[in-house]
Protein backbone atom coordinates (compact mmCIF):
# COMPACT_ATOMS: atom_id res chain seq x y z
CA MET A 1 99.15 66.78 92.42
CA THR A 2 101.79 69.19 93.69
CA GLY A 3 105.19 67.98 92.60
CA ARG A 4 108.59 69.01 93.91
CA ILE A 5 111.19 70.93 91.89
CA THR A 6 114.80 70.08 92.74
CA ILE A 7 117.74 72.00 91.29
CA ASP A 8 120.92 69.90 91.00
CA LEU A 9 124.27 71.64 90.53
CA PHE A 10 127.96 70.81 90.77
CA ILE A 11 129.78 73.89 92.07
CA THR A 12 133.21 75.07 93.16
CA LEU A 13 134.04 76.70 96.49
CA ASP A 14 133.72 80.10 94.84
CA GLY A 15 130.29 79.24 93.45
CA VAL A 16 131.16 78.49 89.81
CA ALA A 17 128.85 75.96 88.12
CA GLN A 18 130.05 76.35 84.53
CA ALA A 19 131.14 73.28 82.55
CA PRO A 20 132.00 70.77 85.28
CA GLY A 21 131.79 67.78 82.94
CA GLY A 22 134.16 68.40 80.05
CA PRO A 23 136.37 70.90 78.16
CA ASP A 24 133.78 71.53 75.43
CA GLU A 25 130.73 71.68 77.68
CA ASP A 26 130.49 75.47 77.88
CA PRO A 27 133.53 77.49 76.77
CA SER A 28 131.54 80.76 76.66
CA ASN A 29 133.38 83.92 77.72
CA GLY A 30 136.67 82.09 77.22
CA PHE A 31 136.15 79.79 80.22
CA PRO A 32 139.36 77.69 80.38
CA TYR A 33 138.44 75.16 83.09
CA GLY A 34 135.84 72.95 81.43
CA GLY A 35 135.90 69.52 83.07
CA TRP A 36 137.06 70.76 86.47
CA GLN A 37 135.01 68.09 88.29
CA ALA A 38 136.64 65.08 86.58
CA PRO A 39 139.88 64.97 88.64
CA LEU A 40 137.88 65.03 91.90
CA PRO A 41 135.92 61.75 92.12
CA ASP A 42 133.75 60.96 95.14
CA ASP A 43 131.93 57.61 95.24
CA VAL A 44 129.45 58.69 97.91
CA ILE A 45 128.44 61.76 95.96
CA GLY A 46 128.23 59.65 92.80
CA ARG A 47 125.71 57.38 94.50
CA GLU A 48 123.69 60.36 95.71
CA VAL A 49 123.57 61.79 92.19
CA ALA A 50 122.47 58.45 90.75
CA ALA A 51 119.79 58.01 93.42
CA GLY A 52 118.31 61.41 92.66
CA ILE A 53 118.11 60.65 88.95
CA ALA A 54 116.62 57.21 89.61
CA GLY A 55 113.73 58.76 91.53
CA MET A 56 112.79 61.61 89.22
CA ASP A 57 109.86 61.50 86.82
CA ALA A 58 110.67 64.65 84.81
CA LEU A 59 113.86 66.42 83.72
CA VAL A 60 114.19 70.12 82.92
CA LEU A 61 117.18 71.44 80.97
CA GLY A 62 118.36 74.66 79.41
CA ARG A 63 119.12 74.53 75.70
CA ARG A 64 122.91 74.16 76.02
CA THR A 65 122.65 71.41 78.64
CA TYR A 66 119.99 69.65 76.59
CA ASP A 67 122.30 69.56 73.56
CA LEU A 68 125.08 68.03 75.67
CA PHE A 69 122.80 65.43 77.25
CA ALA A 70 121.12 64.55 73.95
CA ASP A 71 124.49 64.02 72.31
CA TYR A 72 125.83 61.77 75.07
CA TRP A 73 123.17 59.87 77.00
CA PRO A 74 121.25 58.16 74.17
CA GLN A 75 124.50 56.31 73.43
CA HIS A 76 124.69 55.07 77.04
CA GLN A 77 121.29 53.59 77.76
CA ASP A 78 122.91 50.49 79.24
CA ASN A 79 123.98 52.79 82.09
CA PRO A 80 121.30 53.18 84.86
CA ILE A 81 121.47 56.97 84.53
CA GLY A 82 121.22 56.83 80.74
CA SER A 83 118.31 54.40 80.99
CA ARG A 84 116.39 56.65 83.38
CA LEU A 85 117.04 59.79 81.34
CA ALA A 86 115.75 57.98 78.26
CA ALA A 87 112.55 57.00 80.08
CA VAL A 88 111.42 60.31 81.60
CA PRO A 89 109.89 63.33 79.85
CA LYS A 90 112.49 65.99 79.13
CA TYR A 91 111.46 69.67 79.07
CA VAL A 92 113.74 72.21 77.41
CA ALA A 93 113.85 75.95 78.02
CA SER A 94 114.97 77.85 74.93
CA ARG A 95 114.38 81.27 73.42
CA GLY A 96 114.40 79.64 69.98
CA THR A 97 112.53 76.73 68.44
CA PRO A 98 115.13 73.95 68.32
CA ALA A 99 114.46 70.54 66.85
CA LEU A 100 114.38 68.23 69.86
CA ALA A 101 115.24 64.80 68.53
CA TRP A 102 115.83 63.04 71.86
CA ASN A 103 112.93 60.73 72.60
CA GLY A 104 110.50 62.34 75.05
CA ALA A 105 111.92 65.87 74.72
CA ARG A 106 109.59 68.81 74.34
CA LEU A 107 109.93 72.59 74.38
CA LEU A 108 108.64 74.61 77.33
CA GLN A 109 106.13 77.15 76.07
CA GLY A 110 105.98 80.79 77.14
CA ASP A 111 107.71 82.13 80.23
CA ALA A 112 110.23 79.53 81.36
CA VAL A 113 109.76 80.04 85.11
CA ALA A 114 105.97 79.79 84.86
CA ALA A 115 106.26 76.75 82.61
CA VAL A 116 108.55 74.96 85.07
CA LEU A 117 106.21 75.73 87.97
CA ALA A 118 103.29 74.34 85.95
CA LEU A 119 105.07 70.98 85.76
CA ARG A 120 104.19 70.47 89.44
CA GLU A 121 100.67 69.64 88.28
CA GLN A 122 101.94 66.85 86.00
CA HIS A 123 104.90 65.31 87.82
CA GLU A 124 105.91 64.41 91.36
CA ASP A 125 109.70 64.65 91.25
CA ILE A 126 111.06 67.24 88.80
CA HIS A 127 114.80 67.83 88.51
CA VAL A 128 116.59 70.75 86.88
CA ILE A 129 120.17 69.66 86.18
CA GLY A 130 122.96 72.11 85.34
CA SER A 131 121.51 74.82 83.08
CA VAL A 132 122.96 77.73 85.07
CA ASP A 133 121.14 80.52 83.20
CA LEU A 134 117.75 78.86 83.71
CA VAL A 135 118.59 78.06 87.32
CA GLN A 136 119.39 81.68 88.06
CA SER A 137 115.90 82.65 86.88
CA LEU A 138 114.30 79.95 89.03
CA LEU A 139 116.31 81.00 92.09
CA ALA A 140 115.43 84.66 91.61
CA ALA A 141 111.72 83.78 91.51
CA GLU A 142 112.06 81.23 94.36
CA ALA A 143 110.52 78.76 91.90
CA TYR A 144 111.95 75.60 93.43
CA ASP A 145 111.57 73.35 96.46
CA GLU A 146 115.13 72.17 96.91
CA LEU A 147 118.56 73.39 95.85
CA ARG A 148 120.96 70.43 95.91
CA LEU A 149 124.58 71.50 95.61
CA TRP A 150 127.59 69.23 95.22
CA MET A 151 130.48 71.44 96.29
CA TYR A 152 134.03 70.55 95.25
CA PRO A 153 137.27 71.75 96.88
CA ILE A 154 138.45 73.89 94.00
CA VAL A 155 138.56 77.65 93.34
CA LEU A 156 138.52 78.86 89.74
CA GLY A 157 138.18 82.62 90.07
CA GLN A 158 136.04 82.93 86.94
CA GLY A 159 133.04 81.40 85.24
CA LYS A 160 129.26 81.40 85.62
CA LYS A 161 128.30 81.50 89.27
CA VAL A 162 125.12 80.16 90.82
CA PHE A 163 124.70 83.45 92.68
CA PRO A 164 126.44 86.19 90.67
CA GLU A 165 126.74 89.81 91.72
CA GLY A 166 123.27 91.36 91.75
CA SER A 167 121.39 88.16 92.66
CA VAL A 168 118.04 88.57 94.41
CA PRO A 169 118.64 88.41 98.17
CA ALA A 170 117.46 85.11 99.64
CA ARG A 171 117.76 82.99 102.76
CA LEU A 172 117.98 79.21 102.57
CA ARG A 173 117.48 76.44 105.12
CA LEU A 174 119.68 73.34 105.34
CA ILE A 175 117.30 70.36 105.26
CA GLU A 176 119.72 67.58 106.17
CA PRO A 177 123.30 67.30 107.46
CA PRO A 178 125.98 67.51 104.76
CA ILE A 179 127.11 64.26 103.13
CA THR A 180 130.62 63.58 101.85
CA GLY A 181 132.76 60.73 100.64
CA GLY A 182 135.90 62.69 101.48
CA THR A 183 136.15 64.97 98.46
CA ALA A 184 132.92 66.79 97.59
CA VAL A 185 130.12 67.79 99.97
CA GLN A 186 126.40 67.44 99.29
CA LEU A 187 124.35 70.36 100.62
CA ARG A 188 120.54 70.28 100.43
CA TYR A 189 118.69 73.55 100.91
CA ALA A 190 115.09 74.73 100.85
CA PRO A 191 114.06 78.36 100.27
CA ALA A 192 113.41 80.27 103.49
CA GLY A 193 112.27 83.75 102.48
CA ILE A 194 114.29 86.93 102.53
CA PRO A 195 117.38 87.65 104.64
CA SER A 196 117.08 89.44 107.96
CA THR A 197 119.78 91.21 109.90
CA GLY A 198 120.73 91.54 113.56
CA THR A 199 123.59 92.14 115.95
CA MET A 200 125.94 89.44 117.19
CA SER A 201 126.40 89.71 120.92
CA PRO A 202 127.80 87.41 123.63
CA ASP A 203 125.33 85.59 125.89
C-alpha cells in the first residue's frame, strides 16, 4: 500500500493560516483575528471540505489542533464530520507525551515527518488538517502528495503563514481548476520539485 497525504488549510490572501475557526483557537504571539473565517461562509467550499473528510481513513494533527478537535468534535458525533472524525485513527505530533483521551488517538513516535510518511504503508487517504507548525515541516521536506488550500478574500497582515520568510524554495503544480462558491477559492496543488528561472520575452 502507498497511501496519499493531503494537507488541508484555510488561508487568507496574504497566506495566514492561524486560528481560522475561533477567537481562542490559537492566540499565540498576540494574534487578534482568531475566527477570521466565520464571517465568510461558502456553501460550495463547505461541501468540498466535508467530502474530503468523508473519504479519509486517517487524520494527522499537531498537538494544539488535536486539543481543539478533541474538545469539540466528540460532542458533535451526530454531525457527518464529527462521526467520521470519531471513526478514523487520529495521529498526533507532539514534542511531549500528552494524554490522548479521544477515541482512536495515538502519538506519533520519533521524527514527525518520517512518522507521517510511514502512515502511507497503513492508510490510503491521510489528511493533515490545520496544524501549521507541523505542516511547515512537511512542506519543507516535500512530505505530502497534495496541498489543498481554501483561500479567503481577507488580508490580516500578521499571523502564522503557510510559507513564512525563509521557507524552502518549492514549485507546485495545480492539479484541477479552482473551485468557488463565490467567496473562497479551493486550490489543489501537487509538489513539482524546485523552482527554475528564465526570461520573459514576447513571441
